[in-house]
Amino acid sequence: MSIELIVTHPGGAHKDDFLACCLLAHLHGVPIQRREPTHEDLSNEAICVVDVGGVHDAELNNFDHHQFPRDAPPRCALSLVLLDLGLYEDALSFCAWLRPAEWLDTLGPNETAKKMGIPRSAFSDLNSPIDITLLSRFARSSELNPENAIYQVMCMVGEDIFNYIHALRARLRFLKQHCQWWTIDSTGTDDTPIQALFLEQNEVIATDPSFGLYAFIAEEKKGEQVHALVYPDRRGDGYGLTRYEDCQRLDFSKLENETDVRFAHKRGFVAKVDSTDPARLQDLIAAAVVDNTN
């Protein structure tokens, strides 16, 4: 059965119910009503009831979490919608903002601040006018439909979240097949070899070659080992050399006088090179190793 309506609670709006409605609006394109649900709403699978109603039943499209016990996993309405779409685990891995959003909605700001190791005041300091405007306009609306400007923005947000998760998963499958792990001997005072992730040139990734590299490293559990990234330069035929997590063992400014180096940032964190030969690229990385005895 197709979805005919989305119902969420009236009054103040939070990111979890707003983003859950964004995804559902993108997927179904139906009106959103902000009111208390009726028994008929909760029993009608053609109506999505979000963050209200005291029921989580995905088969009936009811996505409330407020009835969960105190020791339940910190899942909010957005979590429940993502679970139903089969996107929750990938969203947790790919969207760093999801876990804090769950904590804020289920544990409150004080406990969330403790978990994140930040002061409680940081939430106010980082509160964007974009958040304030969208949430307050959403909260003041009793009904939104596809002709409404806020509804249209919500669909854009939902579309971008949905597409980002799918695109990143597809990219990770691609990277698994096309990336190489390089081990490069170091001549610096720390003679531990440099570990680099190399991505070969391919038309599939030409428009955004670096997309997904950090997520791929995290998924492969190589974050503690990698020092550099080598990936196609989208502005030319060569490659970009980048420090991974600003690794201080490498200073690419040392390469600025090399004939095949088109650009080397003075701060040393990136270089653009014309060479496409893997052996030469490895030599350039080796030449960028910092000698701490100087």
C-alpha atoms as a PDB file:
ATOM      1  CA  MET A   1       0.000   0.000   0.000  1.00  0.00           C
ATOM      2  CA  SER A   2       1.285   3.457  -0.885  1.00  0.00           C
ATOM      3  CA  ILE A   3       1.757   6.125   1.782  1.00  0.00           C
ATOM      4  CA  GLU A   4      -0.931   8.821   1.825  1.00  0.00           C
ATOM      5  CA  LEU A   5       0.008  11.015   4.803  1.00  0.00           C
ATOM      6  CA  ILE A   6       2.748  11.742   7.359  1.00  0.00           C
ATOM      7  CA  VAL A   7       1.698  12.706  10.891  1.00  0.00           C
ATOM      8  CA  THR A   8       4.075  14.086  13.502  1.00  0.00           C
ATOM      9  CA  HIS A   9       3.557  15.883  16.804  1.00  0.00           C
ATOM     10  CA  PRO A  10       2.602  19.575  17.119  1.00  0.00           C
ATOM     11  CA  GLY A  11       4.627  22.103  19.111  1.00  0.00           C
ATOM     12  CA  GLY A  12       8.390  22.300  19.223  1.00  0.00           C
ATOM     13  CA  ALA A  13      10.357  20.441  16.566  1.00  0.00           C
ATOM     14  CA  HIS A  14      13.691  18.688  16.919  1.00  0.00           C
ATOM     15  CA  LYS A  15      16.199  17.432  14.392  1.00  0.00           C
ATOM     16  CA  ASP A  16      15.155  13.802  14.735  1.00  0.00           C
ATOM     17  CA  ASP A  17      11.475  14.287  13.823  1.00  0.00           C
ATOM     18  CA  PHE A  18      12.343  16.938  11.236  1.00  0.00           C
ATOM     19  CA  LEU A  19      14.912  14.721   9.467  1.00  0.00           C
ATOM     20  CA  ALA A  20      12.680  11.649   9.701  1.00  0.00           C
ATOM     21  CA  CYS A  21       9.941  13.638   7.964  1.00  0.00           C
ATOM     22  CA  CYS A  22      12.485  14.887   5.399  1.00  0.00           C
ATOM     23  CA  LEU A  23      13.290  11.315   4.367  1.00  0.00           C
ATOM     24  CA  LEU A  24       9.643  10.294   4.241  1.00  0.00           C
ATOM     25  CA  ALA A  25       8.629  13.422   2.308  1.00  0.00           C
ATOM     26  CA  HIS A  26      11.356  12.743  -0.256  1.00  0.00           C
ATOM     27  CA  LEU A  27      10.320   9.113  -0.643  1.00  0.00           C
ATOM     28  CA  HIS A  28       6.550   9.555  -0.695  1.00  0.00           C
ATOM     29  CA  GLY A  29       5.777  13.177  -1.597  1.00  0.00           C
ATOM     30  CA  VAL A  30       2.667  13.282   0.609  1.00  0.00           C
ATOM     31  CA  PRO A  31       1.416  16.003   3.012  1.00  0.00           C
ATOM     32  CA  ILE A  32       2.741  16.309   6.562  1.00  0.00           C
ATOM     33  CA  GLN A  33       0.281  17.098   9.362  1.00  0.00           C
ATOM     34  CA  ARG A  34       1.559  18.251  12.766  1.00  0.00           C
ATOM     35  CA  ARG A  35      -1.020  17.025  15.265  1.00  0.00           C
ATOM     36  CA  GLU A  36      -1.674  14.235  17.747  1.00  0.00           C
ATOM     37  CA  PRO A  37      -2.394  10.948  15.957  1.00  0.00           C
ATOM     38  CA  THR A  38      -5.691   9.145  16.306  1.00  0.00           C
ATOM     39  CA  HIS A  39      -6.163   5.417  16.856  1.00  0.00           C
ATOM     40  CA  GLU A  40      -7.190   5.225  13.218  1.00  0.00           C
ATOM     41  CA  ASP A  41      -3.895   6.860  12.167  1.00  0.00           C
ATOM     42  CA  LEU A  42      -1.879   4.324  14.162  1.00  0.00           C
ATOM     43  CA  SER A  43      -3.735   1.374  12.671  1.00  0.00           C
ATOM     44  CA  ASN A  44      -3.601   2.624   9.076  1.00  0.00           C
ATOM     45  CA  GLU A  45      -0.443   1.472   7.284  1.00  0.00           C
ATOM     46  CA  ALA A  46      -0.960   4.190   4.658  1.00  0.00           C
ATOM     47  CA  ILE A  47      -0.184   6.831   7.326  1.00  0.00           C
ATOM     48  CA  CYS A  48       3.331   7.297   8.700  1.00  0.00           C
ATOM     49  CA  VAL A  49       3.186   8.382  12.350  1.00  0.00           C
ATOM     50  CA  VAL A  50       6.514   9.908  13.384  1.00  0.00           C
ATOM     51  CA  ASP A  51       7.878  10.665  16.881  1.00  0.00           C
ATOM     52  CA  VAL A  52       4.464  10.524  18.516  1.00  0.00           C
ATOM     53  CA  GLY A  53       1.796   7.939  19.352  1.00  0.00           C
ATOM     54  CA  GLY A  54       3.764   5.687  21.703  1.00  0.00           C
ATOM     55  CA  VAL A  55       4.133   2.890  19.126  1.00  0.00           C
ATOM     56  CA  HIS A  56       6.992   1.485  17.084  1.00  0.00           C
ATOM     57  CA  ASP A  57       5.565  -0.827  14.462  1.00  0.00           C
ATOM     58  CA  ALA A  58       7.301  -0.583  11.108  1.00  0.00           C
ATOM     59  CA  GLU A  59       4.697  -2.740   9.388  1.00  0.00           C
ATOM     60  CA  LEU A  60       2.103  -0.105  10.275  1.00  0.00           C
ATOM     61  CA  ASN A  61       4.581   2.750   9.644  1.00  0.00           C
ATOM     62  CA  ASN A  62       4.552   3.902  13.267  1.00  0.00           C
ATOM     63  CA  PHE A  63       7.920   5.357  14.307  1.00  0.00           C
ATOM     64  CA  ASP A  64       7.854   6.537  17.915  1.00  0.00           C
ATOM     65  CA  HIS A  65      10.585   5.855  20.492  1.00  0.00           C
ATOM     66  CA  HIS A  66       9.290   7.610  23.622  1.00  0.00           C
ATOM     67  CA  GLN A  67       7.824   4.407  25.037  1.00  0.00           C
ATOM     68  CA  PHE A  68      11.200   2.608  25.018  1.00  0.00           C
ATOM     69  CA  PRO A  69      12.709   1.747  28.452  1.00  0.00           C
ATOM     70  CA  ARG A  70      15.476   3.912  29.917  1.00  0.00           C
ATOM     71  CA  ASP A  71      18.148   1.316  29.153  1.00  0.00           C
ATOM     72  CA  ALA A  72      17.140   0.872  25.501  1.00  0.00           C
ATOM     73  CA  PRO A  73      19.656   1.779  22.755  1.00  0.00           C
ATOM     74  CA  PRO A  74      19.528   5.547  22.116  1.00  0.00           C
ATOM     75  CA  ARG A  75      17.388   5.417  18.993  1.00  0.00           C
ATOM     76  CA  CYS A  76      15.198   8.326  17.957  1.00  0.00           C
ATOM     77  CA  ALA A  77      12.430   8.625  15.349  1.00  0.00           C
ATOM     78  CA  LEU A  78      15.006   9.168  12.606  1.00  0.00           C
ATOM     79  CA  SER A  79      16.800   5.969  13.676  1.00  0.00           C
ATOM     80  CA  LEU A  80      13.560   4.009  13.362  1.00  0.00           C
ATOM     81  CA  VAL A  81      12.852   5.334   9.872  1.00  0.00           C
ATOM     82  CA  LEU A  82      16.417   4.540   8.786  1.00  0.00           C
ATOM     83  CA  LEU A  83      16.070   1.040  10.237  1.00  0.00           C
ATOM     84  CA  ASP A  84      12.898   0.491   8.233  1.00  0.00           C
ATOM     85  CA  LEU A  85      14.684   1.639   5.073  1.00  0.00           C
ATOM     86  CA  GLY A  86      17.600  -0.698   5.728  1.00  0.00           C
ATOM     87  CA  LEU A  87      19.976   2.271   5.970  1.00  0.00           C
ATOM     88  CA  TYR A  88      20.602   2.545   9.712  1.00  0.00           C
ATOM     89  CA  GLU A  89      23.959   0.774  10.014  1.00  0.00           C
ATOM     90  CA  ASP A  90      25.401   2.588   7.019  1.00  0.00           C
ATOM     91  CA  ALA A  91      24.031   5.895   8.312  1.00  0.00           C
ATOM     92  CA  LEU A  92      25.754   5.332  11.659  1.00  0.00           C
ATOM     93  CA  SER A  93      29.017   4.603   9.847  1.00  0.00           C
ATOM     94  CA  PHE A  94      28.802   7.371   7.252  1.00  0.00           C
ATOM     95  CA  CYS A  95      26.973  10.224   9.030  1.00  0.00           C
ATOM     96  CA  ALA A  96      28.960  11.437  12.036  1.00  0.00           C
ATOM     97  CA  TRP A  97      26.054  13.657  13.091  1.00  0.00           C
ATOM     98  CA  LEU A  98      23.593  10.760  13.586  1.00  0.00           C
ATOM     99  CA  ARG A  99      24.834   9.403  16.920  1.00  0.00           C
ATOM    100  CA  PRO A 100      24.913  12.859  18.607  1.00  0.00           C
ATOM    101  CA  ALA A 101      21.411  13.504  17.241  1.00  0.00           C
ATOM    102  CA  GLU A 102      20.230  10.254  18.839  1.00  0.00           C
ATOM    103  CA  TRP A 103      21.900  11.141  22.148  1.00  0.00           C
ATOM    104  CA  LEU A 104      20.437  14.647  22.204  1.00  0.00           C
ATOM    105  CA  ASP A 105      16.921  13.391  21.623  1.00  0.00           C
ATOM    106  CA  THR A 106      17.042  10.430  24.003  1.00  0.00           C
ATOM    107  CA  LEU A 107      19.529  11.483  26.701  1.00  0.00           C
ATOM    108  CA  GLY A 108      19.364  15.278  26.662  1.00  0.00           C
ATOM    109  CA  PRO A 109      22.123  17.871  26.192  1.00  0.00           C
ATOM    110  CA  ASN A 110      23.941  17.384  29.514  1.00  0.00           C
ATOM    111  CA  GLU A 111      24.493  13.646  29.063  1.00  0.00           C
ATOM    112  CA  THR A 112      25.298  14.126  25.376  1.00  0.00           C
ATOM    113  CA  ALA A 113      27.916  16.736  26.189  1.00  0.00           C
ATOM    114  CA  LYS A 114      29.567  14.296  28.595  1.00  0.00           C
ATOM    115  CA  LYS A 115      29.622  11.552  25.974  1.00  0.00           C
ATOM    116  CA  MET A 116      31.130  13.910  23.396  1.00  0.00           C
ATOM    117  CA  GLY A 117      33.640  15.393  25.837  1.00  0.00           C
ATOM    118  CA  ILE A 118      32.505  18.955  25.186  1.00  0.00           C
ATOM    119  CA  PRO A 119      30.962  21.690  27.376  1.00  0.00           C
ATOM    120  CA  ARG A 120      27.179  21.903  27.466  1.00  0.00           C
ATOM    121  CA  SER A 121      27.417  25.439  26.070  1.00  0.00           C
ATOM    122  CA  ALA A 122      28.925  24.127  22.819  1.00  0.00           C
ATOM    123  CA  PHE A 123      25.472  23.171  21.555  1.00  0.00           C
ATOM    124  CA  SER A 124      24.310  26.789  21.766  1.00  0.00           C
ATOM    125  CA  ASP A 125      27.582  28.042  20.295  1.00  0.00           C
ATOM    126  CA  LEU A 126      27.207  25.771  17.274  1.00  0.00           C
ATOM    127  CA  ASN A 127      23.483  26.329  16.747  1.00  0.00           C
ATOM    128  CA  SER A 128      23.169  27.581  13.184  1.00  0.00           C
ATOM    129  CA  PRO A 129      20.605  30.108  11.884  1.00  0.00           C
ATOM    130  CA  ILE A 130      19.806  27.450   9.297  1.00  0.00           C
ATOM    131  CA  ASP A 131      18.768  25.041  12.066  1.00  0.00           C
ATOM    132  CA  ILE A 132      16.808  27.721  13.889  1.00  0.00           C
ATOM    133  CA  THR A 133      14.875  28.890  10.832  1.00  0.00           C
ATOM    134  CA  LEU A 134      14.013  25.472   9.427  1.00  0.00           C
ATOM    135  CA  LEU A 135      12.967  23.975  12.767  1.00  0.00           C
ATOM    136  CA  SER A 136      10.955  27.003  13.872  1.00  0.00           C
ATOM    137  CA  ARG A 137       9.152  27.308  10.527  1.00  0.00           C
ATOM    138  CA  PHE A 138       8.430  23.586  10.584  1.00  0.00           C
ATOM    139  CA  ALA A 139       7.155  23.849  14.177  1.00  0.00           C
ATOM    140  CA  ARG A 140       4.809  26.731  13.322  1.00  0.00           C
ATOM    141  CA  SER A 141       3.172  24.810  10.480  1.00  0.00           C
ATOM    142  CA  SER A 142       0.089  22.701  11.106  1.00  0.00           C
ATOM    143  CA  GLU A 143       0.270  21.154   7.636  1.00  0.00           C
ATOM    144  CA  LEU A 144       2.873  21.143   4.884  1.00  0.00           C
ATOM    145  CA  ASN A 145       2.340  19.978   1.340  1.00  0.00           C
ATOM    146  CA  PRO A 146       4.507  19.744  -1.792  1.00  0.00           C
ATOM    147  CA  GLU A 147       3.675  23.335  -2.786  1.00  0.00           C
ATOM    148  CA  ASN A 148       5.126  24.680   0.481  1.00  0.00           C
ATOM    149  CA  ALA A 149       8.679  26.097   0.393  1.00  0.00           C
ATOM    150  CA  ILE A 150       9.694  24.426   3.673  1.00  0.00           C
ATOM    151  CA  TYR A 151       8.346  21.107   2.388  1.00  0.00           C
ATOM    152  CA  GLN A 152      10.430  21.474  -0.776  1.00  0.00           C
ATOM    153  CA  VAL A 153      13.577  22.137   1.267  1.00  0.00           C
ATOM    154  CA  MET A 154      12.752  19.123   3.417  1.00  0.00           C
ATOM    155  CA  CYS A 155      12.560  16.963   0.307  1.00  0.00           C
ATOM    156  CA  MET A 156      15.984  18.235  -0.747  1.00  0.00           C
ATOM    157  CA  VAL A 157      17.421  17.348   2.656  1.00  0.00           C
ATOM    158  CA  GLY A 158      15.825  13.909   2.596  1.00  0.00           C
ATOM    159  CA  GLU A 159      17.013  13.287  -0.947  1.00  0.00           C
ATOM    160  CA  ASP A 160      20.591  14.270  -0.084  1.00  0.00           C
ATOM    161  CA  ILE A 161      20.708  12.031   3.003  1.00  0.00           C
ATOM    162  CA  PHE A 162      19.226   9.104   1.078  1.00  0.00           C
ATOM    163  CA  ASN A 163      21.469   9.548  -1.953  1.00  0.00           C
ATOM    164  CA  TYR A 164      24.613  10.161   0.116  1.00  0.00           C
ATOM    165  CA  ILE A 165      24.233   6.888   2.015  1.00  0.00           C
ATOM    166  CA  HIS A 166      23.550   4.906  -1.162  1.00  0.00           C
ATOM    167  CA  ALA A 167      26.327   6.639  -3.122  1.00  0.00           C
ATOM    168  CA  LEU A 168      28.888   6.125  -0.379  1.00  0.00           C
ATOM    169  CA  ARG A 169      28.059   2.438  -0.053  1.00  0.00           C
ATOM    170  CA  ALA A 170      28.453   2.058  -3.837  1.00  0.00           C
ATOM    171  CA  ARG A 171      31.754   3.959  -3.708  1.00  0.00           C
ATOM    172  CA  LEU A 172      33.080   1.727  -0.924  1.00  0.00           C
ATOM    173  CA  ARG A 173      32.378  -1.332  -3.052  1.00  0.00           C
ATOM    174  CA  PHE A 174      34.260   0.342  -5.899  1.00  0.00           C
ATOM    175  CA  LEU A 175      37.207   1.289  -3.671  1.00  0.00           C
ATOM    176  CA  LYS A 176      37.457  -2.266  -2.380  1.00  0.00           C
ATOM    177  CA  GLN A 177      38.161  -3.368  -5.952  1.00  0.00           C
ATOM    178  CA  HIS A 178      40.373  -0.499  -7.115  1.00  0.00           C
ATOM    179  CA  CYS A 179      42.464   0.680  -4.161  1.00  0.00           C
ATOM    180  CA  GLN A 180      45.973  -0.525  -3.318  1.00  0.00           C
ATOM    181  CA  TRP A 181      47.819  -0.355  -0.012  1.00  0.00           C
ATOM    182  CA  TRP A 182      51.399   0.799  -0.513  1.00  0.00           C
ATOM    183  CA  THR A 183      54.280   0.274   1.897  1.00  0.00           C
ATOM    184  CA  ILE A 184      57.082   2.764   1.239  1.00  0.00           C
ATOM    185  CA  ASP A 185      60.465   2.585   2.922  1.00  0.00           C
ATOM    186  CA  SER A 186      61.288   5.637   5.017  1.00  0.00           C
ATOM    187  CA  THR A 187      64.720   7.288   5.185  1.00  0.00           C
ATOM    188  CA  GLY A 188      63.784   9.638   8.036  1.00  0.00           C
ATOM    189  CA  THR A 189      64.773   9.255  11.664  1.00  0.00           C
ATOM    190  CA  ASP A 190      61.616   7.191  12.132  1.00  0.00           C
ATOM    191  CA  ASP A 191      62.407   4.322   9.780  1.00  0.00           C
ATOM    192  CA  THR A 192      58.925   2.807  10.091  1.00  0.00           C
ATOM    193  CA  PRO A 193      57.620   2.406   6.519  1.00  0.00           C
ATOM    194  CA  ILE A 194      55.089   4.894   5.224  1.00  0.00           C
ATOM    195  CA  GLN A 195      51.691   3.378   4.504  1.00  0.00           C
ATOM    196  CA  ALA A 196      49.751   4.974   1.651  1.00  0.00           C
ATOM    197  CA  LEU A 197      46.360   4.312   0.104  1.00  0.00           C
ATOM    198  CA  PHE A 198      46.524   4.514  -3.700  1.00  0.00           C
ATOM    199  CA  LEU A 199      43.467   4.865  -5.922  1.00  0.00           C
ATOM    200  CA  GLU A 200      44.016   4.341  -9.612  1.00  0.00           C
ATOM    201  CA  GLN A 201      42.470   6.592 -12.260  1.00  0.00           C
ATOM    202  CA  ASN A 202      39.050   5.564 -13.500  1.00  0.00           C
ATOM    203  CA  GLU A 203      36.277   7.390 -15.370  1.00  0.00           C
ATOM    204  CA  VAL A 204      33.745   6.238 -12.759  1.00  0.00           C
ATOM    205  CA  ILE A 205      35.291   8.506 -10.106  1.00  0.00           C
ATOM    206  CA  ALA A 206      36.517  11.334 -12.333  1.00  0.00           C
ATOM    207  CA  THR A 207      34.216  14.039 -10.932  1.00  0.00           C
ATOM    208  CA  ASP A 208      35.006  13.391  -7.258  1.00  0.00           C
ATOM    209  CA  PRO A 209      37.959  11.002  -6.903  1.00  0.00           C
ATOM    210  CA  SER A 210      38.543  11.516  -3.172  1.00  0.00           C
ATOM    211  CA  PHE A 211      34.926  10.801  -2.184  1.00  0.00           C
ATOM    212  CA  GLY A 212      34.708   7.910   0.273  1.00  0.00           C
ATOM    213  CA  LEU A 213      38.426   7.434   0.949  1.00  0.00           C
ATOM    214  CA  TYR A 214      38.205   8.269   4.648  1.00  0.00           C
ATOM    215  CA  ALA A 215      35.124   6.088   5.091  1.00  0.00           C
ATOM    216  CA  PHE A 216      36.900   3.267   3.254  1.00  0.00           C
ATOM    217  CA  ILE A 217      39.922   3.492   5.555  1.00  0.00           C
ATOM    218  CA  ALA A 218      37.624   3.441   8.580  1.00  0.00           C
ATOM    219  CA  GLU A 219      35.691   0.444   7.261  1.00  0.00           C
ATOM    220  CA  GLU A 220      38.958  -1.397   6.587  1.00  0.00           C
ATOM    221  CA  LYS A 221      40.121  -0.481  10.129  1.00  0.00           C
ATOM    222  CA  LYS A 222      43.362   1.005   8.775  1.00  0.00           C
ATOM    223  CA  GLY A 223      43.069   4.424  10.402  1.00  0.00           C
ATOM    224  CA  GLU A 224      45.986   3.851  12.784  1.00  0.00           C
ATOM    225  CA  GLN A 225      48.270   2.685   9.981  1.00  0.00           C
ATOM    226  CA  VAL A 226      47.779   5.034   7.040  1.00  0.00           C
ATOM    227  CA  HIS A 227      49.969   8.105   6.544  1.00  0.00           C
ATOM    228  CA  ALA A 228      49.147   9.305   3.017  1.00  0.00           C
ATOM    229  CA  LEU A 229      46.501   9.255   0.294  1.00  0.00           C
ATOM    230  CA  VAL A 230      47.281   9.132  -3.422  1.00  0.00           C
ATOM    231  CA  TYR A 231      44.302   9.665  -5.703  1.00  0.00           C
ATOM    232  CA  PRO A 232      43.559  11.101  -9.170  1.00  0.00           C
ATOM    233  CA  ASP A 233      43.618  14.879  -9.497  1.00  0.00           C
ATOM    234  CA  ARG A 234      40.226  15.963 -10.817  1.00  0.00           C
ATOM    235  CA  ARG A 235      41.825  19.102 -12.323  1.00  0.00           C
ATOM    236  CA  GLY A 236      44.408  17.262 -14.400  1.00  0.00           C
ATOM    237  CA  ASP A 237      45.800  13.948 -15.539  1.00  0.00           C
ATOM    238  CA  GLY A 238      48.108  13.432 -12.570  1.00  0.00           C
ATOM    239  CA  TYR A 239      47.588  12.658  -8.896  1.00  0.00           C
ATOM    240  CA  GLY A 240      47.104  14.382  -5.595  1.00  0.00           C
ATOM    241  CA  LEU A 241      49.329  13.467  -2.650  1.00  0.00           C
ATOM    242  CA  THR A 242      47.729  14.217   0.708  1.00  0.00           C
ATOM    243  CA  ARG A 243      48.659  13.670   4.331  1.00  0.00           C
ATOM    244  CA  TYR A 244      46.129  11.400   6.020  1.00  0.00           C
ATOM    245  CA  GLU A 245      44.789  13.017   9.199  1.00  0.00           C
ATOM    246  CA  ASP A 246      47.518  15.654   8.795  1.00  0.00           C
ATOM    247  CA  CYS A 247      50.299  13.110   9.426  1.00  0.00           C
ATOM    248  CA  GLN A 248      53.369  15.089  10.470  1.00  0.00           C
ATOM    249  CA  ARG A 249      55.775  12.501   9.092  1.00  0.00           C
ATOM    250  CA  LEU A 250      55.214  13.968   5.630  1.00  0.00           C
ATOM    251  CA  ASP A 251      55.869  17.459   4.279  1.00  0.00           C
ATOM    252  CA  PHE A 252      54.951  17.755   0.631  1.00  0.00           C
ATOM    253  CA  SER A 253      56.391  21.270   0.412  1.00  0.00           C
ATOM    254  CA  LYS A 254      59.739  19.480   0.128  1.00  0.00           C
ATOM    255  CA  LEU A 255      58.682  18.489  -3.396  1.00  0.00           C
ATOM    256  CA  GLU A 256      58.153  21.992  -4.780  1.00  0.00           C
ATOM    257  CA  ASN A 257      61.297  21.913  -6.950  1.00  0.00           C
ATOM    258  CA  GLU A 258      60.573  18.546  -8.537  1.00  0.00           C
ATOM    259  CA  THR A 259      59.928  18.961 -12.268  1.00  0.00           C
ATOM    260  CA  ASP A 260      56.787  16.817 -12.254  1.00  0.00           C
ATOM    261  CA  VAL A 261      55.240  18.517  -9.218  1.00  0.00           C
ATOM    262  CA  ARG A 262      52.692  21.054 -10.390  1.00  0.00           C
ATOM    263  CA  PHE A 263      51.850  22.423  -6.941  1.00  0.00           C
ATOM    264  CA  ALA A 264      53.083  21.845  -3.411  1.00  0.00           C
ATOM    265  CA  HIS A 265      51.332  23.659  -0.594  1.00  0.00           C
ATOM    266  CA  LYS A 266      53.643  25.711   1.599  1.00  0.00           C
ATOM    267  CA  ARG A 267      52.085  24.120   4.694  1.00  0.00           C
ATOM    268  CA  GLY A 268      53.085  20.722   3.376  1.00  0.00           C
ATOM    269  CA  PHE A 269      49.780  18.863   3.557  1.00  0.00           C
ATOM    270  CA  VAL A 270      49.124  18.395  -0.165  1.00  0.00           C
ATOM    271  CA  ALA A 271      50.853  18.309  -3.540  1.00  0.00           C
ATOM    272  CA  LYS A 272      49.610  17.931  -7.107  1.00  0.00           C
ATOM    273  CA  VAL A 273      51.831  16.007  -9.503  1.00  0.00           C
ATOM    274  CA  ASP A 274      51.811  15.293 -13.229  1.00  0.00           C
ATOM    275  CA  SER A 275      53.328  11.835 -12.923  1.00  0.00           C
ATOM    276  CA  THR A 276      51.066   8.788 -13.187  1.00  0.00           C
ATOM    277  CA  ASP A 277      53.773   6.159 -12.732  1.00  0.00           C
ATOM    278  CA  PRO A 278      53.224   4.326  -9.405  1.00  0.00           C
ATOM    279  CA  ALA A 279      56.977   3.898  -8.853  1.00  0.00           C
ATOM    280  CA  ARG A 280      57.528   7.641  -9.265  1.00  0.00           C
ATOM    281  CA  LEU A 281      54.604   8.471  -6.984  1.00  0.00           C
ATOM    282  CA  GLN A 282      56.096   6.258  -4.300  1.00  0.00           C
ATOM    283  CA  ASP A 283      59.481   7.957  -4.750  1.00  0.00           C
ATOM    284  CA  LEU A 284      57.845  11.355  -4.264  1.00  0.00           C
ATOM    285  CA  ILE A 285      56.174  10.211  -1.052  1.00  0.00           C
ATOM    286  CA  ALA A 286      59.507   8.884   0.200  1.00  0.00           C
ATOM    287  CA  ALA A 287      61.123  12.237  -0.627  1.00  0.00           C
ATOM    288  CA  ALA A 288      58.478  14.036   1.432  1.00  0.00           C
ATOM    289  CA  VAL A 289      59.297  12.158   4.637  1.00  0.00           C
ATOM    290  CA  VAL A 290      60.375  14.560   7.375  1.00  0.00           C
ATOM    291  CA  ASP A 291      63.851  14.119   8.872  1.00  0.00           C
ATOM    292  CA  ASN A 292      63.372  15.142  12.482  1.00  0.00           C
ATOM    293  CA  THR A 293      67.112  15.499  13.037  1.00  0.00           C
ATOM    294  CA  ASN A 294      67.129  18.801  11.131  1.00  0.00           C
END
